[in-house]
Structure formats: structure tokens, C-alpha cells
Amino acid sequence: MRDTTPNTLRRSLLALVLAAGGALPLHASAADAELLNVSYDVARELYKEVNPAFIASYKQQTGQTLTIKQSHGGSSKQARAVADGLEASVVTMNQANDIDLLVDRGLVAKDWAKKFPNNATPYYSTMVFLVRKGNPKQVRDWADLARPGVASIIPNPKTSGNGRYTYLAAWGAVIKKGGTEAQARDLVGKIFKNVPILDGGGRAATTTFTQRQIGDVLVTFENEVSMVRQEFGNDFEVIYPSSSILAESPVAVVDKVVDRLKVRQPATAYLNFLYSPAGQEIGAKHFMRVRSESVMKKYAANYKPVSLFTVDEVFGGWTAAQKRHFNDGGEFDKIYQAK
């Protein structure tokens, strides 16, 4: 009796196709794959648009159908979740320190920042102020956040990259103006004494300010402020301080996960897509400052010039900043415990 088991039948069909000089359709030979992008709190809308655009592009190029899932939260909290076992294919964070944590756990390559252009940061932003219409407390610069009666909404620097950048931006602004470390510590201490609620992440802080109507000023990423203005219209105004910090959004493949799940190729292609003309265009539409000069020029009206300084320039890099300011017992703990 002729053998017609499924495996034999498939082999027979393949032999017939190849004998006829044909080839299997690409979609028949490409298995579907799933990626998980673990990202920071206020990047939800950005990747909600990036994902379908990349899926369509990848399908056209390879014939493979991808599924991309998202996980969002405070940047440092997300990094710890990956370190503790959340199976991220890629991480798209808002500070290098959170990816370095995954390097220490053996999940990400030590040279991750060299794997993609611009130190693996396709986008960047900065910290600005969102105030209520008319700016009733006349907030103009970092020193105004330290005035009595000015309630600032800032997320927890221990769990949120948003909060950490805000802390460093205020501290660094003093140093850049020629102030001392003691003066910087005094300013930051007064600012955090004015914080009524220390939310766990940037989006929670946005909700506290916009929907719960708590506080006089929200300090957050420029791209988050622009989203709020789009949603709430003329209820709020954006204030740019005299100087602020360069807030880069680094990305990395989680090597240990992609190799085990055999999704390195689509995971790498996903992060490369962020640098493509389409990916840069989507970033700019979401008010990220992008690396493409032509795209930045096209969306120039979205960005007000501001004097930016870097974590490396003022704090000696993220490792040094983390150790001094945000580790247990560091400057932030001392400041906040004295509140």
C-alpha cells in the first residue's frame, strides 16, 4: 500500500514543485514570529503607530507575519521586570542606565550601544514644563519650582526615567550657570519638597496633573507635553526652561531571549526600522526629536530651540549619576527623607 502519511505527502509535493523548476511561496516557508517590546511609560502612542508600520514593511520584505506585543511602565521598573524574567525581545527605554542593568544580568551585550547608530538612540527629547492655562504661578525656570506654593508633579526618580531626568535637569541647570553642588542640592531639595504625589511613572504623573487636577506644573518629556496639548487643547501651556537635559531613548536587542526564541533577525530589523525614513517620520509625528536632519527640518515647528546639556557632561555618565544620586542611600534618598 502506498504511504500517504502527512510527512511523506509533504515531501512528495515538495519534490514535485522542485522538479518542475518552481519554488515554494515565501509565506509558506517563513514561520510566524512574535516580539515583545518592553518600553517606558510615555512611549505607548509612539510604538502603537510604529508596530503596524514595521509589521507591514517586514511582511513585504520577507513574507513573514509578525506579532508585536507591548509592555509599558516606569523605565527602571520595566528594566527590573526584564531582569527578573519578563521575556522581552527588545527594550526601548529612556535612559542607558536601565539597559546597562540588563548587561549586568547577562541579558544584553556589553557593546549594545554600538549595535545601532547614534549610540543606539534613534530618538531623543528633553524636559519641559506643562502649566495650566494662563500660567497662574508664573513658572518660567527651574528656580520657580522651588518657590513656596508651587506644587510640581514629578514621578519617582527611583522608578521612572522621567523623574530621574527631571532631577538631573534641575541639578545640572544650576551647575551650568556656574552654581555649586551645594546650591544644586538645595534647589532640588526645595523642588521635591513641593511634590505632593510621587507617582511611579511618567504617564501616571500626567494623569495626576491633567485628570485629577493636582499640582501647578507637570515636569515631563517634551513629547509627552505635546500629546497632552493635543488631547486637552488650550487648557495647558508649555514652558521651556532656560536650559534642560538631553534625554535620549536607547534601544537594545535582548540577546539571551532572541537567541533562545530564534527571533534575532526580526528583532534586529525592528530596531533598525526606527532609523528608517518611515520610522523617523513616525517619531517626529509624536514630537520626538529624531536623528534625520531632513525629517527634523520638516517638523521644525514642533521644536523650540533650547540649550541642552548631557548626563556625561555634568554628571560623568549614567553609572556615576546612578551611584551618587539614585542608589539606596544616595542624594535623592537624603533629600526626600528630609522632606
Protein backbone atom coordinates (compact mmCIF):
# COMPACT_ATOMS: atom_id res chain seq x y z
CA MET A 1 0.00 0.00 0.00
CA ARG A 2 1.28 3.48 -0.84
CA ASP A 3 2.41 5.55 2.16
CA THR A 4 0.27 8.73 2.38
CA THR A 5 1.20 9.96 5.86
CA PRO A 6 1.33 13.77 6.19
CA ASN A 7 5.15 13.98 6.32
CA THR A 8 5.60 11.76 3.28
CA LEU A 9 2.92 13.62 1.38
CA ARG A 10 4.60 16.96 2.10
CA ARG A 11 7.93 15.62 0.92
CA SER A 12 6.32 14.32 -2.28
CA LEU A 13 4.69 17.66 -3.02
CA LEU A 14 7.98 19.47 -2.37
CA ALA A 15 9.79 17.12 -4.76
CA LEU A 16 7.19 17.75 -7.47
CA VAL A 17 7.50 21.51 -7.11
CA LEU A 18 11.28 21.47 -7.23
CA ALA A 19 11.33 19.02 -10.13
CA ALA A 20 9.11 21.38 -12.10
CA GLY A 21 11.64 24.19 -11.52
CA GLY A 22 9.33 26.02 -9.16
CA ALA A 23 9.78 27.38 -5.66
CA LEU A 24 7.70 27.44 -2.57
CA PRO A 25 5.88 30.73 -1.92
CA LEU A 26 7.78 32.82 0.61
CA HIS A 27 4.90 32.80 3.05
CA ALA A 28 4.85 29.02 3.05
CA SER A 29 8.47 28.75 4.19
CA ALA A 30 8.52 31.59 6.70
CA ALA A 31 7.19 30.76 10.14
CA ASP A 32 5.27 33.42 12.02
CA ALA A 33 7.09 35.08 14.93
CA GLU A 34 6.21 37.19 17.96
CA LEU A 35 8.22 40.01 19.53
CA LEU A 36 7.76 41.72 22.87
CA ASN A 37 8.90 45.34 23.14
CA VAL A 38 9.32 46.35 26.78
CA SER A 39 9.29 50.12 26.87
CA TYR A 40 8.88 53.14 29.10
CA ASP A 41 5.67 54.75 30.22
CA VAL A 42 5.06 57.60 27.79
CA ALA A 43 6.09 55.78 24.60
CA ARG A 44 2.75 53.97 24.22
CA GLU A 45 1.37 56.06 21.39
CA LEU A 46 4.70 56.13 19.54
CA TYR A 47 5.02 52.34 19.33
CA LYS A 48 1.32 51.89 18.75
CA GLU A 49 1.99 53.54 15.37
CA VAL A 50 5.48 52.12 14.79
CA ASN A 51 4.39 48.49 15.19
CA PRO A 52 1.87 48.14 12.35
CA ALA A 53 4.12 50.13 10.03
CA PHE A 54 7.03 47.80 10.72
CA ILE A 55 4.87 44.66 10.51
CA ALA A 56 3.68 45.70 7.04
CA SER A 57 7.20 46.58 5.89
CA TYR A 58 8.66 43.32 7.22
CA LYS A 59 5.89 41.28 5.62
CA GLN A 60 6.59 42.90 2.26
CA GLN A 61 10.34 42.28 2.53
CA THR A 62 10.34 38.74 3.95
CA GLY A 63 6.85 37.30 3.61
CA GLN A 64 6.86 36.64 7.36
CA THR A 65 3.92 37.68 9.51
CA LEU A 66 4.94 39.19 12.83
CA THR A 67 3.05 39.90 16.02
CA ILE A 68 4.44 42.63 18.27
CA LYS A 69 3.30 42.96 21.85
CA GLN A 70 3.98 45.96 24.11
CA SER A 71 4.68 46.41 27.80
CA HIS A 72 4.87 49.90 29.31
CA GLY A 73 5.68 51.31 32.73
CA GLY A 74 8.29 53.35 34.57
CA SER A 75 11.59 52.80 32.71
CA SER A 76 13.58 51.44 35.64
CA LYS A 77 10.67 49.32 36.80
CA GLN A 78 10.45 47.83 33.30
CA ALA A 79 14.16 47.08 33.23
CA ARG A 80 13.89 45.26 36.54
CA ALA A 81 10.94 43.24 35.20
CA VAL A 82 13.08 42.08 32.26
CA ALA A 83 15.95 41.31 34.62
CA ASP A 84 13.54 39.24 36.70
CA GLY A 85 12.30 37.18 33.76
CA LEU A 86 9.92 39.18 31.54
CA GLU A 87 10.85 37.82 28.10
CA ALA A 88 11.48 41.00 26.13
CA SER A 89 12.78 40.59 22.60
CA VAL A 90 13.82 44.24 22.60
CA VAL A 91 13.89 47.03 25.15
CA THR A 92 13.21 50.65 24.17
CA MET A 93 13.99 52.69 27.28
CA ASN A 94 14.58 56.34 28.07
CA GLN A 95 18.00 56.06 29.66
CA ALA A 96 21.11 53.97 29.13
CA ASN A 97 21.34 53.02 32.77
CA ASP A 98 18.30 50.76 32.51
CA ILE A 99 19.84 48.82 29.64
CA ASP A 100 23.15 48.57 31.49
CA LEU A 101 21.25 46.79 34.27
CA LEU A 102 20.38 44.09 31.72
CA VAL A 103 24.03 43.90 30.67
CA ASP A 104 24.93 43.18 34.28
CA ARG A 105 22.37 40.34 34.30
CA GLY A 106 23.87 38.81 31.15
CA LEU A 107 20.78 39.50 29.02
CA VAL A 108 22.15 42.23 26.73
CA ALA A 109 25.57 42.50 25.03
CA LYS A 110 28.11 44.79 26.67
CA ASP A 111 28.57 46.67 23.40
CA TRP A 112 24.82 47.21 22.87
CA ALA A 113 25.29 50.94 22.27
CA LYS A 114 27.46 50.15 19.22
CA LYS A 115 24.91 47.84 17.61
CA PHE A 116 22.83 50.68 16.16
CA PRO A 117 23.56 54.27 15.04
CA ASN A 118 23.87 57.25 17.38
CA ASN A 119 24.78 55.11 20.38
CA ALA A 120 21.64 53.06 19.78
CA THR A 121 19.37 56.09 20.31
CA PRO A 122 17.05 56.73 17.34
CA TYR A 123 15.15 59.45 19.19
CA TYR A 124 15.73 61.98 21.96
CA SER A 125 13.71 64.52 23.91
CA THR A 126 14.13 66.95 26.79
CA MET A 127 12.35 68.01 29.96
CA VAL A 128 9.87 70.89 29.84
CA PHE A 129 7.08 72.31 31.98
CA LEU A 130 3.35 71.96 31.42
CA VAL A 131 1.33 74.60 33.27
CA ARG A 132 -2.34 75.43 33.45
CA LYS A 133 -3.78 77.99 31.06
CA GLY A 134 -2.52 81.48 31.77
CA ASN A 135 0.40 80.11 33.83
CA PRO A 136 -1.13 81.42 37.09
CA LYS A 137 2.01 80.70 39.16
CA GLN A 138 4.26 82.36 36.53
CA VAL A 139 6.60 79.41 36.23
CA ARG A 140 9.49 80.23 33.88
CA ASP A 141 12.56 78.30 35.02
CA TRP A 142 13.79 75.64 37.42
CA ALA A 143 14.13 78.06 40.32
CA ASP A 144 10.40 78.77 40.13
CA LEU A 145 9.63 75.15 41.02
CA ALA A 146 11.34 75.72 44.37
CA ARG A 147 9.14 78.67 45.35
CA PRO A 148 6.73 78.09 48.25
CA GLY A 149 3.24 77.34 46.99
CA VAL A 150 4.28 75.95 43.58
CA ALA A 151 3.25 72.29 43.53
CA SER A 152 5.19 70.26 40.97
CA ILE A 153 4.12 66.87 39.66
CA ILE A 154 7.22 64.72 39.09
CA PRO A 155 7.35 60.91 39.08
CA ASN A 156 9.61 58.96 41.40
CA PRO A 157 13.27 59.10 40.26
CA LYS A 158 13.81 55.67 41.82
CA THR A 159 11.39 54.00 39.40
CA SER A 160 10.98 56.41 36.49
CA GLY A 161 13.41 57.69 33.89
CA ASN A 162 11.13 60.71 33.60
CA GLY A 163 11.65 61.53 37.27
CA ARG A 164 15.37 60.86 37.05
CA TYR A 165 15.83 63.17 34.08
CA THR A 166 13.84 65.89 35.86
CA TYR A 167 16.03 65.62 38.95
CA LEU A 168 19.23 65.75 36.89
CA ALA A 169 17.93 68.57 34.69
CA ALA A 170 17.24 70.78 37.72
CA TRP A 171 20.59 69.92 39.34
CA GLY A 172 22.52 70.38 36.10
CA ALA A 173 20.86 73.71 35.33
CA VAL A 174 22.44 75.14 38.48
CA ILE A 175 25.87 73.76 37.60
CA LYS A 176 25.68 75.03 34.01
CA LYS A 177 25.03 78.54 35.32
CA GLY A 178 28.16 78.38 37.45
CA GLY A 179 26.48 77.34 40.67
CA THR A 180 27.95 74.98 43.25
CA GLU A 181 26.97 71.42 44.12
CA ALA A 182 25.57 72.70 47.41
CA GLN A 183 23.36 75.19 45.55
CA ALA A 184 22.18 72.47 43.19
CA ARG A 185 21.34 70.18 46.11
CA ASP A 186 19.44 72.98 47.81
CA LEU A 187 17.37 73.73 44.69
CA VAL A 188 16.49 70.10 44.03
CA GLY A 189 15.62 69.56 47.66
CA LYS A 190 13.19 72.50 47.63
CA ILE A 191 11.63 71.30 44.36
CA PHE A 192 10.91 67.82 45.75
CA LYS A 193 9.53 69.28 48.94
CA ASN A 194 6.89 70.83 46.68
CA VAL A 195 5.93 67.49 45.08
CA PRO A 196 2.59 66.42 46.59
CA ILE A 197 2.45 62.96 44.96
CA LEU A 198 5.39 60.85 43.81
CA ASP A 199 3.90 58.72 41.05
CA GLY A 200 5.63 55.57 39.82
CA GLY A 201 5.89 56.61 36.17
CA GLY A 202 5.51 59.47 33.71
CA ARG A 203 2.04 58.57 32.43
CA ALA A 204 0.70 58.27 35.98
CA ALA A 205 2.09 61.73 36.70
CA THR A 206 0.37 63.08 33.60
CA THR A 207 -2.94 61.62 34.81
CA THR A 208 -2.43 63.17 38.25
CA PHE A 209 -1.91 66.60 36.72
CA THR A 210 -4.42 66.59 33.86
CA GLN A 211 -7.29 64.44 35.10
CA ARG A 212 -7.00 64.61 38.87
CA GLN A 213 -6.19 68.34 38.60
CA ILE A 214 -3.41 68.15 41.20
CA GLY A 215 -0.42 70.49 41.06
CA ASP A 216 0.58 73.70 39.32
CA VAL A 217 3.18 72.32 36.91
CA LEU A 218 3.95 68.95 35.37
CA VAL A 219 7.60 68.33 34.50
CA THR A 220 7.86 65.74 31.76
CA PHE A 221 9.26 64.91 28.35
CA GLU A 222 8.65 67.35 25.54
CA ASN A 223 6.88 64.65 23.51
CA GLU A 224 4.52 63.84 26.39
CA VAL A 225 3.60 67.51 26.81
CA SER A 226 2.74 67.77 23.14
CA MET A 227 0.45 64.75 23.41
CA VAL A 228 -1.36 66.34 26.36
CA ARG A 229 -1.88 69.58 24.46
CA GLN A 230 -3.30 67.64 21.50
CA GLU A 231 -5.74 65.84 23.77
CA PHE A 232 -6.75 68.71 26.06
CA GLY A 233 -6.30 71.69 23.77
CA ASN A 234 -6.00 75.12 25.31
CA ASP A 235 -6.28 74.01 28.94
CA PHE A 236 -2.49 73.93 29.25
CA GLU A 237 0.62 75.80 28.12
CA VAL A 238 4.19 74.60 27.52
CA ILE A 239 7.09 76.43 29.17
CA TYR A 240 10.70 75.82 28.15
CA PRO A 241 13.29 76.42 30.88
CA SER A 242 16.48 78.34 30.04
CA SER A 243 18.39 75.06 29.89
CA SER A 244 17.48 71.41 30.13
CA ILE A 245 18.89 67.93 29.74
CA LEU A 246 19.32 65.82 26.62
CA ALA A 247 17.03 62.84 27.20
CA GLU A 248 17.98 60.04 24.84
CA SER A 249 15.83 56.96 24.19
CA PRO A 250 18.21 53.99 23.83
CA VAL A 251 17.22 50.65 22.33
CA ALA A 252 18.69 47.16 22.52
CA VAL A 253 18.07 43.58 21.50
CA VAL A 254 17.75 41.24 24.49
CA ASP A 255 20.28 38.71 23.20
CA LYS A 256 19.58 35.88 25.59
CA VAL A 257 15.86 35.93 24.76
CA VAL A 258 16.02 36.37 20.97
CA ASP A 259 18.55 33.58 20.57
CA ARG A 260 16.50 31.16 22.65
CA LEU A 261 13.27 32.06 20.81
CA LYS A 262 15.06 32.30 17.44
CA VAL A 263 13.78 35.81 16.66
CA ARG A 264 17.06 37.73 16.44
CA GLN A 265 16.56 38.66 12.77
CA PRO A 266 13.10 40.27 13.15
CA ALA A 267 14.06 41.85 16.49
CA THR A 268 17.12 43.49 14.92
CA ALA A 269 15.10 44.57 11.89
CA TYR A 270 12.51 46.12 14.23
CA LEU A 271 15.08 48.38 15.90
CA ASN A 272 16.69 49.25 12.56
CA PHE A 273 13.25 50.32 11.31
CA LEU A 274 13.26 53.11 13.92
CA TYR A 275 16.12 54.73 11.97
CA SER A 276 14.45 54.34 8.58
CA PRO A 277 12.73 57.30 6.90
CA ALA A 278 9.35 55.83 7.88
CA GLY A 279 10.43 55.23 11.48
CA GLN A 280 11.93 58.70 11.84
CA GLU A 281 8.79 60.25 10.37
CA ILE A 282 6.61 58.44 12.92
CA GLY A 283 8.91 59.57 15.73
CA ALA A 284 8.68 63.19 14.62
CA LYS A 285 4.90 62.98 14.37
CA HIS A 286 4.94 62.00 18.03
CA PHE A 287 7.15 65.00 18.88
CA MET A 288 10.33 63.02 19.42
CA ARG A 289 13.49 64.79 18.26
CA VAL A 290 14.83 62.46 15.57
CA ARG A 291 18.27 61.83 14.06
CA SER A 292 17.28 62.51 10.45
CA GLU A 293 18.13 66.12 9.60
CA SER A 294 15.60 66.21 6.78
CA VAL A 295 12.79 64.94 9.00
CA MET A 296 13.72 67.34 11.80
CA LYS A 297 13.66 70.19 9.29
CA LYS A 298 10.24 69.10 8.05
CA TYR A 299 8.84 69.16 11.61
CA ALA A 300 10.88 72.15 12.84
CA ALA A 301 7.75 73.96 14.02
CA ASN A 302 7.26 71.27 16.69
CA TYR A 303 10.54 72.03 18.45
CA LYS A 304 11.61 75.15 20.26
CA PRO A 305 15.38 75.66 20.45
CA VAL A 306 16.65 75.01 23.96
CA SER A 307 20.14 74.82 25.46
CA LEU A 308 20.76 71.14 26.23
CA PHE A 309 23.42 69.50 28.38
CA THR A 310 24.17 65.80 28.70
CA VAL A 311 24.43 63.38 31.61
CA ASP A 312 28.05 62.70 30.60
CA GLU A 313 28.88 66.40 30.55
CA VAL A 314 27.59 67.30 34.02
CA PHE A 315 27.45 64.01 35.93
CA GLY A 316 30.20 61.90 34.40
CA GLY A 317 27.83 59.42 32.80
CA TRP A 318 24.86 57.35 33.89
CA THR A 319 26.81 54.91 36.05
CA ALA A 320 28.23 57.72 38.16
CA ALA A 321 24.89 59.56 38.30
CA GLN A 322 23.05 56.43 39.39
CA LYS A 323 25.54 55.59 42.10
CA ARG A 324 25.65 59.07 43.57
CA HIS A 325 22.07 60.21 43.20
CA PHE A 326 19.66 57.27 42.90
CA ASN A 327 21.10 54.20 44.57
CA ASP A 328 19.76 53.42 48.01
CA GLY A 329 21.18 55.95 50.44
CA GLY A 330 22.13 58.35 47.63
CA GLU A 331 21.41 62.05 47.23
CA PHE A 332 17.76 61.58 46.31
CA ASP A 333 17.03 59.44 49.35
CA LYS A 334 18.68 62.00 51.61
CA ILE A 335 16.75 64.84 50.01
CA TYR A 336 13.39 63.10 50.05
CA GLN A 337 13.71 61.71 53.57
CA ALA A 338 14.33 65.26 54.77
CA LYS A 339 11.07 66.46 53.15
